[in-house]
Amino acid sequence: MGAGIWSFPEGSGHAPGARLAGYRVEATDGSIGKIDEHSGDVGRAYLVVDTGPWVFGHRRLVPAGLVSRIDHERRAVHLDCAKERIRQAPDFEQGRYDDDAATVRLIEQHYANRHL
């Protein structure tokens, strides 16, 4: 993934300031939930996905670099990874992400591991 893990890819359809909360999230092999919250901060953009009944009661932080395209008309964000990669990701804990370098490294390592 490299340094681009925290930035929306060029051509993904991301528009600065766009509100993505509530958009459906699609992995390459199916739906994984809806966006609960997101950040478009330069160098630290991400989605927080509420996985609903699929991974009951869990939320996953997905770096913006995994977004392949955003379909604003259908209110859907498509990821460039399979559902299993998201399912195996660390749980997102509110407030822990911004100030915890170890959590950020854990997330980066998880998504950089292409063997998942």
PDB file of N, CA and C in Angstrom:
ATOM      1  N   MET A   1       0.815  -1.191   0.000  1.00  0.00           N
ATOM      2  CA  MET A   1       0.000   0.000   0.000  1.00  0.00           C
ATOM      3  C   MET A   1       0.860   1.257   0.000  1.00  0.00           C
ATOM      4  N   GLY A   2       1.915   1.291   0.787  1.00  0.00           N
ATOM      5  CA  GLY A   2       2.809   2.439   0.804  1.00  0.00           C
ATOM      6  C   GLY A   2       2.178   3.673   1.403  1.00  0.00           C
ATOM      7  N   ALA A   3       2.764   4.824   1.048  1.00  0.00           N
ATOM      8  CA  ALA A   3       2.323   6.096   1.617  1.00  0.00           C
ATOM      9  C   ALA A   3       0.915   6.470   1.194  1.00  0.00           C
ATOM     10  N   GLY A   4       0.428   5.923   0.070  1.00  0.00           N
ATOM     11  CA  GLY A   4      -0.886   6.277  -0.431  1.00  0.00           C
ATOM     12  C   GLY A   4      -2.038   5.645   0.314  1.00  0.00           C
ATOM     13  N   ILE A   5      -1.757   4.861   1.327  1.00  0.00           N
ATOM     14  CA  ILE A   5      -2.820   4.172   2.070  1.00  0.00           C
ATOM     15  C   ILE A   5      -3.810   5.155   2.702  1.00  0.00           C
ATOM     16  N   TRP A   6      -3.354   6.345   3.044  1.00  0.00           N
ATOM     17  CA  TRP A   6      -4.202   7.314   3.740  1.00  0.00           C
ATOM     18  C   TRP A   6      -4.736   8.413   2.825  1.00  0.00           C
ATOM     19  N   SER A   7      -4.702   8.194   1.510  1.00  0.00           N
ATOM     20  CA  SER A   7      -5.215   9.185   0.557  1.00  0.00           C
ATOM     21  C   SER A   7      -6.160   8.510  -0.435  1.00  0.00           C
ATOM     22  N   PHE A   8      -7.228   9.202  -0.804  1.00  0.00           N
ATOM     23  CA  PHE A   8      -8.125   8.674  -1.824  1.00  0.00           C
ATOM     24  C   PHE A   8      -7.367   8.615  -3.144  1.00  0.00           C
ATOM     25  N   PRO A   9      -7.441   7.502  -3.863  1.00  0.00           N
ATOM     26  CA  PRO A   9      -6.745   7.395  -5.148  1.00  0.00           C
ATOM     27  C   PRO A   9      -7.284   8.400  -6.166  1.00  0.00           C
ATOM     28  N   GLU A  10      -6.395   8.881  -7.007  1.00  0.00           N
ATOM     29  CA  GLU A  10      -6.797   9.767  -8.081  1.00  0.00           C
ATOM     30  C   GLU A  10      -7.771   9.012  -8.985  1.00  0.00           C
ATOM     31  N   GLY A  11      -8.828   9.651  -9.367  1.00  0.00           N
ATOM     32  CA  GLY A  11      -9.813   9.029 -10.232  1.00  0.00           C
ATOM     33  C   GLY A  11     -10.865   8.207  -9.497  1.00  0.00           C
ATOM     34  N   SER A  12     -10.827   8.208  -8.158  1.00  0.00           N
ATOM     35  CA  SER A  12     -11.797   7.421  -7.382  1.00  0.00           C
ATOM     36  C   SER A  12     -13.163   8.085  -7.309  1.00  0.00           C
ATOM     37  N   GLY A  13     -13.215   9.349  -7.648  1.00  0.00           N
ATOM     38  CA  GLY A  13     -14.482  10.077  -7.553  1.00  0.00           C
ATOM     39  C   GLY A  13     -14.652  10.821  -6.249  1.00  0.00           C
ATOM     40  N   HIS A  14     -13.603  10.818  -5.417  1.00  0.00           N
ATOM     41  CA  HIS A  14     -13.685  11.542  -4.155  1.00  0.00           C
ATOM     42  C   HIS A  14     -13.627  13.047  -4.414  1.00  0.00           C
ATOM     43  N   ALA A  15     -14.539  13.766  -3.806  1.00  0.00           N
ATOM     44  CA  ALA A  15     -14.560  15.218  -3.888  1.00  0.00           C
ATOM     45  C   ALA A  15     -14.334  15.763  -2.488  1.00  0.00           C
ATOM     46  N   PRO A  16     -13.302  16.598  -2.292  1.00  0.00           N
ATOM     47  CA  PRO A  16     -13.071  17.164  -0.964  1.00  0.00           C
ATOM     48  C   PRO A  16     -14.344  17.800  -0.417  1.00  0.00           C
ATOM     49  N   GLY A  17     -14.634  17.489   0.828  1.00  0.00           N
ATOM     50  CA  GLY A  17     -15.819  18.026   1.485  1.00  0.00           C
ATOM     51  C   GLY A  17     -17.077  17.194   1.277  1.00  0.00           C
ATOM     52  N   ALA A  18     -17.007  16.167   0.434  1.00  0.00           N
ATOM     53  CA  ALA A  18     -18.185  15.318   0.206  1.00  0.00           C
ATOM     54  C   ALA A  18     -18.552  14.592   1.492  1.00  0.00           C
ATOM     55  N   ARG A  19     -19.845  14.437   1.715  1.00  0.00           N
ATOM     56  CA  ARG A  19     -20.329  13.738   2.903  1.00  0.00           C
ATOM     57  C   ARG A  19     -20.658  12.309   2.500  1.00  0.00           C
ATOM     58  N   LEU A  20     -19.915  11.349   3.058  1.00  0.00           N
ATOM     59  CA  LEU A  20     -20.054   9.950   2.690  1.00  0.00           C
ATOM     60  C   LEU A  20     -20.798   9.112   3.731  1.00  0.00           C
ATOM     61  N   ALA A  21     -21.095   9.691   4.884  1.00  0.00           N
ATOM     62  CA  ALA A  21     -21.811   8.941   5.928  1.00  0.00           C
ATOM     63  C   ALA A  21     -23.120   8.413   5.361  1.00  0.00           C
ATOM     64  N   GLY A  22     -23.384   7.130   5.612  1.00  0.00           N
ATOM     65  CA  GLY A  22     -24.587   6.481   5.120  1.00  0.00           C
ATOM     66  C   GLY A  22     -24.409   5.771   3.794  1.00  0.00           C
ATOM     67  N   TYR A  23     -23.308   6.029   3.100  1.00  0.00           N
ATOM     68  CA  TYR A  23     -23.065   5.338   1.834  1.00  0.00           C
ATOM     69  C   TYR A  23     -22.838   3.858   2.104  1.00  0.00           C
ATOM     70  N   ARG A  24     -23.321   3.009   1.209  1.00  0.00           N
ATOM     71  CA  ARG A  24     -23.098   1.569   1.246  1.00  0.00           C
ATOM     72  C   ARG A  24     -21.642   1.296   0.857  1.00  0.00           C
ATOM     73  N   VAL A  25     -21.026   0.285   1.475  1.00  0.00           N
ATOM     74  CA  VAL A  25     -19.629  -0.057   1.172  1.00  0.00           C
ATOM     75  C   VAL A  25     -19.598  -1.446   0.551  1.00  0.00           C
ATOM     76  N   GLU A  26     -18.976  -1.528  -0.619  1.00  0.00           N
ATOM     77  CA  GLU A  26     -18.893  -2.772  -1.379  1.00  0.00           C
ATOM     78  C   GLU A  26     -17.443  -3.205  -1.519  1.00  0.00           C
ATOM     79  N   ALA A  27     -17.151  -4.407  -1.055  1.00  0.00           N
ATOM     80  CA  ALA A  27     -15.847  -5.021  -1.302  1.00  0.00           C
ATOM     81  C   ALA A  27     -15.914  -5.666  -2.683  1.00  0.00           C
ATOM     82  N   THR A  28     -14.812  -6.244  -3.149  1.00  0.00           N
ATOM     83  CA  THR A  28     -14.815  -6.858  -4.472  1.00  0.00           C
ATOM     84  C   THR A  28     -15.761  -8.051  -4.546  1.00  0.00           C
ATOM     85  N   ASP A  29     -16.104  -8.640  -3.400  1.00  0.00           N
ATOM     86  CA  ASP A  29     -16.966  -9.822  -3.390  1.00  0.00           C
ATOM     87  C   ASP A  29     -18.269  -9.623  -2.620  1.00  0.00           C
ATOM     88  N   GLY A  30     -18.711  -8.388  -2.467  1.00  0.00           N
ATOM     89  CA  GLY A  30     -20.007  -8.146  -1.850  1.00  0.00           C
ATOM     90  C   GLY A  30     -20.034  -7.010  -0.852  1.00  0.00           C
ATOM     91  N   SER A  31     -21.210  -6.745  -0.343  1.00  0.00           N
ATOM     92  CA  SER A  31     -21.441  -5.636   0.586  1.00  0.00           C
ATOM     93  C   SER A  31     -20.868  -5.943   1.973  1.00  0.00           C
ATOM     94  N   ILE A  32     -20.302  -4.905   2.611  1.00  0.00           N
ATOM     95  CA  ILE A  32     -19.756  -5.093   3.964  1.00  0.00           C
ATOM     96  C   ILE A  32     -20.388  -4.174   4.993  1.00  0.00           C
ATOM     97  N   GLY A  33     -21.249  -3.260   4.580  1.00  0.00           N
ATOM     98  CA  GLY A  33     -21.891  -2.379   5.545  1.00  0.00           C
ATOM     99  C   GLY A  33     -22.061  -0.981   5.006  1.00  0.00           C
ATOM    100  N   LYS A  34     -22.140  -0.025   5.942  1.00  0.00           N
ATOM    101  CA  LYS A  34     -22.341   1.379   5.589  1.00  0.00           C
ATOM    102  C   LYS A  34     -21.308   2.240   6.309  1.00  0.00           C
ATOM    103  N   ILE A  35     -21.018   3.375   5.712  1.00  0.00           N
ATOM    104  CA  ILE A  35     -20.073   4.315   6.325  1.00  0.00           C
ATOM    105  C   ILE A  35     -20.759   4.990   7.497  1.00  0.00           C
ATOM    106  N   ASP A  36     -20.141   4.865   8.659  1.00  0.00           N
ATOM    107  CA  ASP A  36     -20.642   5.480   9.883  1.00  0.00           C
ATOM    108  C   ASP A  36     -20.084   6.901  10.005  1.00  0.00           C
ATOM    109  N   GLU A  37     -18.817   7.035   9.682  1.00  0.00           N
ATOM    110  CA  GLU A  37     -18.151   8.340   9.696  1.00  0.00           C
ATOM    111  C   GLU A  37     -16.951   8.251   8.774  1.00  0.00           C
ATOM    112  N   HIS A  38     -16.378   9.408   8.455  1.00  0.00           N
ATOM    113  CA  HIS A  38     -15.201   9.418   7.591  1.00  0.00           C
ATOM    114  C   HIS A  38     -14.407  10.693   7.819  1.00  0.00           C
ATOM    115  N   SER A  39     -13.174  10.643   7.354  1.00  0.00           N
ATOM    116  CA  SER A  39     -12.307  11.812   7.413  1.00  0.00           C
ATOM    117  C   SER A  39     -11.664  11.995   6.055  1.00  0.00           C
ATOM    118  N   GLY A  40     -11.624  13.202   5.602  1.00  0.00           N
ATOM    119  CA  GLY A  40     -10.947  13.526   4.352  1.00  0.00           C
ATOM    120  C   GLY A  40      -9.655  14.266   4.597  1.00  0.00           C
ATOM    121  N   ASP A  41      -9.152  14.207   5.840  1.00  0.00           N
ATOM    122  CA  ASP A  41      -7.916  14.918   6.179  1.00  0.00           C
ATOM    123  C   ASP A  41      -6.784  14.498   5.253  1.00  0.00           C
ATOM    124  N   VAL A  42      -6.050  15.462   4.738  1.00  0.00           N
ATOM    125  CA  VAL A  42      -4.921  15.175   3.863  1.00  0.00           C
ATOM    126  C   VAL A  42      -3.892  14.351   4.626  1.00  0.00           C
ATOM    127  N   GLY A  43      -3.509  13.235   4.045  1.00  0.00           N
ATOM    128  CA  GLY A  43      -2.517  12.362   4.663  1.00  0.00           C
ATOM    129  C   GLY A  43      -3.065  11.440   5.734  1.00  0.00           C
ATOM    130  N   ARG A  44      -4.358  11.528   6.046  1.00  0.00           N
ATOM    131  CA  ARG A  44      -4.955  10.659   7.060  1.00  0.00           C
ATOM    132  C   ARG A  44      -6.447  10.486   6.784  1.00  0.00           C
ATOM    133  N   ALA A  45      -6.795  10.228   5.525  1.00  0.00           N
ATOM    134  CA  ALA A  45      -8.197  10.047   5.150  1.00  0.00           C
ATOM    135  C   ALA A  45      -8.602   8.592   5.366  1.00  0.00           C
ATOM    136  N   TYR A  46      -9.804   8.397   5.868  1.00  0.00           N
ATOM    137  CA  TYR A  46     -10.276   7.040   6.151  1.00  0.00           C
ATOM    138  C   TYR A  46     -11.796   7.007   6.206  1.00  0.00           C
ATOM    139  N   LEU A  47     -12.332   5.779   6.192  1.00  0.00           N
ATOM    140  CA  LEU A  47     -13.748   5.518   6.388  1.00  0.00           C
ATOM    141  C   LEU A  47     -13.887   4.675   7.644  1.00  0.00           C
ATOM    142  N   VAL A  48     -14.930   4.889   8.410  1.00  0.00           N
ATOM    143  CA  VAL A  48     -15.280   3.985   9.500  1.00  0.00           C
ATOM    144  C   VAL A  48     -16.547   3.285   9.043  1.00  0.00           C
ATOM    145  N   VAL A  49     -16.445   1.954   8.886  1.00  0.00           N
ATOM    146  CA  VAL A  49     -17.547   1.163   8.341  1.00  0.00           C
ATOM    147  C   VAL A  49     -18.245   0.405   9.459  1.00  0.00           C
ATOM    148  N   ASP A  50     -19.554   0.620   9.557  1.00  0.00           N
ATOM    149  CA  ASP A  50     -20.388  -0.158  10.462  1.00  0.00           C
ATOM    150  C   ASP A  50     -20.748  -1.422   9.702  1.00  0.00           C
ATOM    151  N   THR A  51     -20.236  -2.558  10.163  1.00  0.00           N
ATOM    152  CA  THR A  51     -20.419  -3.817   9.438  1.00  0.00           C
ATOM    153  C   THR A  51     -21.778  -4.447   9.682  1.00  0.00           C
ATOM    154  N   GLY A  52     -22.597  -3.849  10.537  1.00  0.00           N
ATOM    155  CA  GLY A  52     -23.947  -4.355  10.776  1.00  0.00           C
ATOM    156  C   GLY A  52     -23.949  -5.816  11.177  1.00  0.00           C
ATOM    157  N   PRO A  53     -24.870  -6.595  10.658  1.00  0.00           N
ATOM    158  CA  PRO A  53     -24.972  -8.002  11.066  1.00  0.00           C
ATOM    159  C   PRO A  53     -23.859  -8.890  10.508  1.00  0.00           C
ATOM    160  N   TRP A  54     -23.130  -8.395   9.495  1.00  0.00           N
ATOM    161  CA  TRP A  54     -22.081  -9.195   8.882  1.00  0.00           C
ATOM    162  C   TRP A  54     -20.974  -9.516   9.892  1.00  0.00           C
ATOM    163  N   VAL A  55     -20.449  -8.527  10.584  1.00  0.00           N
ATOM    164  CA  VAL A  55     -19.515  -8.722  11.704  1.00  0.00           C
ATOM    165  C   VAL A  55     -20.188  -7.990  12.856  1.00  0.00           C
ATOM    166  N   PHE A  56     -21.191  -8.606  13.446  1.00  0.00           N
ATOM    167  CA  PHE A  56     -22.132  -7.979  14.368  1.00  0.00           C
ATOM    168  C   PHE A  56     -21.456  -7.126  15.438  1.00  0.00           C
ATOM    169  N   GLY A  57     -21.909  -5.878  15.512  1.00  0.00           N
ATOM    170  CA  GLY A  57     -21.485  -4.975  16.566  1.00  0.00           C
ATOM    171  C   GLY A  57     -20.075  -4.421  16.407  1.00  0.00           C
ATOM    172  N   HIS A  58     -19.491  -4.563  15.229  1.00  0.00           N
ATOM    173  CA  HIS A  58     -18.119  -4.098  15.040  1.00  0.00           C
ATOM    174  C   HIS A  58     -18.061  -3.023  13.964  1.00  0.00           C
ATOM    175  N   ARG A  59     -17.080  -2.152  14.135  1.00  0.00           N
ATOM    176  CA  ARG A  59     -16.788  -1.138  13.132  1.00  0.00           C
ATOM    177  C   ARG A  59     -15.329  -1.316  12.723  1.00  0.00           C
ATOM    178  N   ARG A  60     -15.062  -1.054  11.463  1.00  0.00           N
ATOM    179  CA  ARG A  60     -13.717  -1.192  10.931  1.00  0.00           C
ATOM    180  C   ARG A  60     -13.269   0.128  10.324  1.00  0.00           C
ATOM    181  N   LEU A  61     -12.021   0.490  10.575  1.00  0.00           N
ATOM    182  CA  LEU A  61     -11.421   1.657   9.954  1.00  0.00           C
ATOM    183  C   LEU A  61     -10.785   1.190   8.648  1.00  0.00           C
ATOM    184  N   VAL A  62     -11.144   1.834   7.558  1.00  0.00           N
ATOM    185  CA  VAL A  62     -10.630   1.479   6.243  1.00  0.00           C
ATOM    186  C   VAL A  62      -9.895   2.692   5.681  1.00  0.00           C
ATOM    187  N   PRO A  63      -8.585   2.587   5.474  1.00  0.00           N
ATOM    188  CA  PRO A  63      -7.843   3.709   4.888  1.00  0.00           C
ATOM    189  C   PRO A  63      -8.385   4.065   3.503  1.00  0.00           C
ATOM    190  N   ALA A  64      -8.387   5.342   3.178  1.00  0.00           N
ATOM    191  CA  ALA A  64      -8.944   5.827   1.915  1.00  0.00           C
ATOM    192  C   ALA A  64      -8.250   5.221   0.696  1.00  0.00           C
ATOM    193  N   GLY A  65      -7.023   4.763   0.841  1.00  0.00           N
ATOM    194  CA  GLY A  65      -6.296   4.171  -0.276  1.00  0.00           C
ATOM    195  C   GLY A  65      -6.913   2.897  -0.802  1.00  0.00           C
ATOM    196  N   LEU A  66      -7.816   2.280  -0.047  1.00  0.00           N
ATOM    197  CA  LEU A  66      -8.492   1.064  -0.503  1.00  0.00           C
ATOM    198  C   LEU A  66      -9.728   1.360  -1.354  1.00  0.00           C
ATOM    199  N   VAL A  67     -10.115   2.619  -1.452  1.00  0.00           N
ATOM    200  CA  VAL A  67     -11.285   2.991  -2.244  1.00  0.00           C
ATOM    201  C   VAL A  67     -10.918   2.937  -3.725  1.00  0.00           C
ATOM    202  N   SER A  68     -11.689   2.167  -4.490  1.00  0.00           N
ATOM    203  CA  SER A  68     -11.444   2.131  -5.932  1.00  0.00           C
ATOM    204  C   SER A  68     -12.313   3.160  -6.653  1.00  0.00           C
ATOM    205  N   ARG A  69     -13.557   3.317  -6.175  1.00  0.00           N
ATOM    206  CA  ARG A  69     -14.414   4.350  -6.772  1.00  0.00           C
ATOM    207  C   ARG A  69     -15.577   4.671  -5.843  1.00  0.00           C
ATOM    208  N   ILE A  70     -16.077   5.880  -6.019  1.00  0.00           N
ATOM    209  CA  ILE A  70     -17.236   6.349  -5.265  1.00  0.00           C
ATOM    210  C   ILE A  70     -18.339   6.651  -6.260  1.00  0.00           C
ATOM    211  N   ASP A  71     -19.490   6.050  -6.051  1.00  0.00           N
ATOM    212  CA  ASP A  71     -20.644   6.260  -6.911  1.00  0.00           C
ATOM    213  C   ASP A  71     -21.642   7.111  -6.108  1.00  0.00           C
ATOM    214  N   HIS A  72     -21.579   8.418  -6.330  1.00  0.00           N
ATOM    215  CA  HIS A  72     -22.436   9.329  -5.567  1.00  0.00           C
ATOM    216  C   HIS A  72     -23.911   9.154  -5.926  1.00  0.00           C
ATOM    217  N   GLU A  73     -24.198   8.817  -7.156  1.00  0.00           N
ATOM    218  CA  GLU A  73     -25.583   8.630  -7.576  1.00  0.00           C
ATOM    219  C   GLU A  73     -26.235   7.465  -6.827  1.00  0.00           C
ATOM    220  N   ARG A  74     -25.491   6.373  -6.652  1.00  0.00           N
ATOM    221  CA  ARG A  74     -26.022   5.194  -5.954  1.00  0.00           C
ATOM    222  C   ARG A  74     -25.638   5.165  -4.473  1.00  0.00           C
ATOM    223  N   ARG A  75     -24.941   6.201  -4.032  1.00  0.00           N
ATOM    224  CA  ARG A  75     -24.491   6.315  -2.634  1.00  0.00           C
ATOM    225  C   ARG A  75     -23.745   5.044  -2.204  1.00  0.00           C
ATOM    226  N   ALA A  76     -22.701   4.714  -2.999  1.00  0.00           N
ATOM    227  CA  ALA A  76     -21.915   3.513  -2.735  1.00  0.00           C
ATOM    228  C   ALA A  76     -20.427   3.808  -2.897  1.00  0.00           C
ATOM    229  N   VAL A  77     -19.647   3.209  -2.006  1.00  0.00           N
ATOM    230  CA  VAL A  77     -18.191   3.286  -2.082  1.00  0.00           C
ATOM    231  C   VAL A  77     -17.692   1.874  -2.351  1.00  0.00           C
ATOM    232  N   HIS A  78     -16.886   1.723  -3.388  1.00  0.00           N
ATOM    233  CA  HIS A  78     -16.346   0.424  -3.773  1.00  0.00           C
ATOM    234  C   HIS A  78     -14.886   0.344  -3.348  1.00  0.00           C
ATOM    235  N   LEU A  79     -14.527  -0.769  -2.719  1.00  0.00           N
ATOM    236  CA  LEU A  79     -13.170  -0.982  -2.238  1.00  0.00           C
ATOM    237  C   LEU A  79     -12.422  -1.934  -3.154  1.00  0.00           C
ATOM    238  N   ASP A  80     -11.113  -1.821  -3.126  1.00  0.00           N
ATOM    239  CA  ASP A  80     -10.244  -2.693  -3.894  1.00  0.00           C
ATOM    240  C   ASP A  80      -9.698  -3.795  -2.983  1.00  0.00           C
ATOM    241  N   CYS A  81     -10.602  -4.529  -2.336  1.00  0.00           N
ATOM    242  CA  CYS A  81     -10.211  -5.648  -1.479  1.00  0.00           C
ATOM    243  C   CYS A  81     -11.435  -6.514  -1.221  1.00  0.00           C
ATOM    244  N   ALA A  82     -11.186  -7.735  -0.783  1.00  0.00           N
ATOM    245  CA  ALA A  82     -12.264  -8.679  -0.489  1.00  0.00           C
ATOM    246  C   ALA A  82     -12.805  -8.464   0.928  1.00  0.00           C
ATOM    247  N   LYS A  83     -13.992  -9.003   1.155  1.00  0.00           N
ATOM    248  CA  LYS A  83     -14.657  -8.903   2.456  1.00  0.00           C
ATOM    249  C   LYS A  83     -13.792  -9.460   3.588  1.00  0.00           C
ATOM    250  N   GLU A  84     -13.089 -10.535   3.337  1.00  0.00           N
ATOM    251  CA  GLU A  84     -12.294 -11.178   4.381  1.00  0.00           C
ATOM    252  C   GLU A  84     -11.222 -10.237   4.935  1.00  0.00           C
ATOM    253  N   ARG A  85     -10.644  -9.415   4.070  1.00  0.00           N
ATOM    254  CA  ARG A  85      -9.625  -8.462   4.526  1.00  0.00           C
ATOM    255  C   ARG A  85     -10.223  -7.478   5.533  1.00  0.00           C
ATOM    256  N   ILE A  86     -11.430  -7.044   5.288  1.00  0.00           N
ATOM    257  CA  ILE A  86     -12.100  -6.119   6.206  1.00  0.00           C
ATOM    258  C   ILE A  86     -12.501  -6.860   7.482  1.00  0.00           C
ATOM    259  N   ARG A  87     -13.031  -8.074   7.340  1.00  0.00           N
ATOM    260  CA  ARG A  87     -13.454  -8.846   8.507  1.00  0.00           C
ATOM    261  C   ARG A  87     -12.286  -9.071   9.467  1.00  0.00           C
ATOM    262  N   GLN A  88     -11.095  -9.316   8.951  1.00  0.00           N
ATOM    263  CA  GLN A  88      -9.932  -9.597   9.786  1.00  0.00           C
ATOM    264  C   GLN A  88      -9.218  -8.344  10.302  1.00  0.00           C
ATOM    265  N   ALA A  89      -9.670  -7.181   9.891  1.00  0.00           N
ATOM    266  CA  ALA A  89      -9.047  -5.926  10.326  1.00  0.00           C
ATOM    267  C   ALA A  89      -9.293  -5.694  11.813  1.00  0.00           C
ATOM    268  N   PRO A  90      -8.421  -4.925  12.441  1.00  0.00           N
ATOM    269  CA  PRO A  90      -8.637  -4.596  13.864  1.00  0.00           C
ATOM    270  C   PRO A  90      -9.932  -3.814  14.049  1.00  0.00           C
ATOM    271  N   ASP A  91     -10.575  -3.996  15.205  1.00  0.00           N
ATOM    272  CA  ASP A  91     -11.767  -3.220  15.541  1.00  0.00           C
ATOM    273  C   ASP A  91     -11.401  -1.742  15.642  1.00  0.00           C
ATOM    274  N   PHE A  92     -12.329  -0.897  15.246  1.00  0.00           N
ATOM    275  CA  PHE A  92     -12.153   0.534  15.400  1.00  0.00           C
ATOM    276  C   PHE A  92     -12.696   0.940  16.755  1.00  0.00           C
ATOM    277  N   GLU A  93     -11.872   1.619  17.525  1.00  0.00           N
ATOM    278  CA  GLU A  93     -12.294   2.123  18.827  1.00  0.00           C
ATOM    279  C   GLU A  93     -12.245   3.639  18.796  1.00  0.00           C
ATOM    280  N   GLN A  94     -13.389   4.266  19.024  1.00  0.00           N
ATOM    281  CA  GLN A  94     -13.506   5.720  18.980  1.00  0.00           C
ATOM    282  C   GLN A  94     -12.464   6.383  19.869  1.00  0.00           C
ATOM    283  N   GLY A  95     -11.770   7.392  19.332  1.00  0.00           N
ATOM    284  CA  GLY A  95     -10.802   8.155  20.107  1.00  0.00           C
ATOM    285  C   GLY A  95      -9.419   7.552  20.170  1.00  0.00           C
ATOM    286  N   ARG A  96      -9.267   6.304  19.804  1.00  0.00           N
ATOM    287  CA  ARG A  96      -7.964   5.655  19.913  1.00  0.00           C
ATOM    288  C   ARG A  96      -7.103   5.886  18.688  1.00  0.00           C
ATOM    289  N   TYR A  97      -7.705   6.076  17.562  1.00  0.00           N
ATOM    290  CA  TYR A  97      -6.993   6.169  16.292  1.00  0.00           C
ATOM    291  C   TYR A  97      -6.099   7.405  16.188  1.00  0.00           C
ATOM    292  N   ASP A  98      -6.608   8.572  16.512  1.00  0.00           N
ATOM    293  CA  ASP A  98      -5.874   9.815  16.290  1.00  0.00           C
ATOM    294  C   ASP A  98      -4.598   9.945  17.095  1.00  0.00           C
ATOM    295  N   ASP A  99      -4.602   9.467  18.331  1.00  0.00           N
ATOM    296  CA  ASP A  99      -3.467   9.701  19.215  1.00  0.00           C
ATOM    297  C   ASP A  99      -2.615   8.467  19.489  1.00  0.00           C
ATOM    298  N   ASP A 100      -2.923   7.342  18.888  1.00  0.00           N
ATOM    299  CA  ASP A 100      -2.223   6.095  19.208  1.00  0.00           C
ATOM    300  C   ASP A 100      -1.433   5.607  17.995  1.00  0.00           C
ATOM    301  N   ALA A 101      -0.137   5.885  17.990  1.00  0.00           N
ATOM    302  CA  ALA A 101       0.726   5.502  16.872  1.00  0.00           C
ATOM    303  C   ALA A 101       0.757   3.988  16.677  1.00  0.00           C
ATOM    304  N   ALA A 102       0.659   3.226  17.758  1.00  0.00           N
ATOM    305  CA  ALA A 102       0.676   1.764  17.643  1.00  0.00           C
ATOM    306  C   ALA A 102      -0.561   1.266  16.895  1.00  0.00           C
ATOM    307  N   THR A 103      -1.708   1.877  17.126  1.00  0.00           N
ATOM    308  CA  THR A 103      -2.932   1.493  16.427  1.00  0.00           C
ATOM    309  C   THR A 103      -2.818   1.831  14.943  1.00  0.00           C
ATOM    310  N   VAL A 104      -2.291   2.994  14.629  1.00  0.00           N
ATOM    311  CA  VAL A 104      -2.094   3.392  13.233  1.00  0.00           C
ATOM    312  C   VAL A 104      -1.169   2.398  12.533  1.00  0.00           C
ATOM    313  N   ARG A 105      -0.052   2.015  13.166  1.00  0.00           N
ATOM    314  CA  ARG A 105       0.881   1.035  12.586  1.00  0.00           C
ATOM    315  C   ARG A 105       0.206  -0.313  12.381  1.00  0.00           C
ATOM    316  N   LEU A 106      -0.606  -0.742  13.341  1.00  0.00           N
ATOM    317  CA  LEU A 106      -1.316  -2.010  13.234  1.00  0.00           C
ATOM    318  C   LEU A 106      -2.247  -2.005  12.012  1.00  0.00           C
ATOM    319  N   ILE A 107      -2.959  -0.927  11.824  1.00  0.00           N
ATOM    320  CA  ILE A 107      -3.864  -0.796  10.677  1.00  0.00           C
ATOM    321  C   ILE A 107      -3.064  -0.806   9.379  1.00  0.00           C
ATOM    322  N   GLU A 108      -1.982  -0.043   9.323  1.00  0.00           N
ATOM    323  CA  GLU A 108      -1.140  -0.017   8.126  1.00  0.00           C
ATOM    324  C   GLU A 108      -0.590  -1.398   7.810  1.00  0.00           C
ATOM    325  N   GLN A 109      -0.112  -2.108   8.807  1.00  0.00           N
ATOM    326  CA  GLN A 109       0.434  -3.444   8.591  1.00  0.00           C
ATOM    327  C   GLN A 109      -0.641  -4.401   8.102  1.00  0.00           C
ATOM    328  N   HIS A 110      -1.827  -4.330   8.684  1.00  0.00           N
ATOM    329  CA  HIS A 110      -2.914  -5.220   8.266  1.00  0.00           C
ATOM    330  C   HIS A 110      -3.221  -5.049   6.786  1.00  0.00           C
ATOM    331  N   TYR A 111      -3.423  -3.818   6.356  1.00  0.00           N
ATOM    332  CA  TYR A 111      -3.805  -3.586   4.967  1.00  0.00           C
ATOM    333  C   TYR A 111      -2.634  -3.717   3.995  1.00  0.00           C
ATOM    334  N   ALA A 112      -1.411  -3.612   4.475  1.00  0.00           N
ATOM    335  CA  ALA A 112      -0.240  -3.799   3.598  1.00  0.00           C
ATOM    336  C   ALA A 112       0.008  -5.283   3.339  1.00  0.00           C
ATOM    337  N   ASN A 113      -0.502  -6.158   4.193  1.00  0.00           N
ATOM    338  CA  ASN A 113      -0.312  -7.601   4.054  1.00  0.00           C
ATOM    339  C   ASN A 113      -1.248  -8.124   2.978  1.00  0.00           C
ATOM    340  N   ARG A 114      -0.732  -8.327   1.784  1.00  0.00           N
ATOM    341  CA  ARG A 114      -1.556  -8.766   0.634  1.00  0.00           C
ATOM    342  C   ARG A 114      -1.996 -10.228   0.738  1.00  0.00           C
ATOM    343  N   HIS A 115      -1.497 -10.973   1.715  1.00  0.00           N
ATOM    344  CA  HIS A 115      -1.822 -12.397   1.824  1.00  0.00           C
ATOM    345  C   HIS A 115      -3.159 -12.655   2.505  1.00  0.00           C
ATOM    346  N   LEU A 116      -3.831 -11.603   2.959  1.00  0.00           N
ATOM    347  CA  LEU A 116      -5.135 -11.779   3.620  1.00  0.00           C
ATOM    348  C   LEU A 116      -6.224 -11.921   2.595  1.00  0.00           C
TER     349      LEU A 116
END
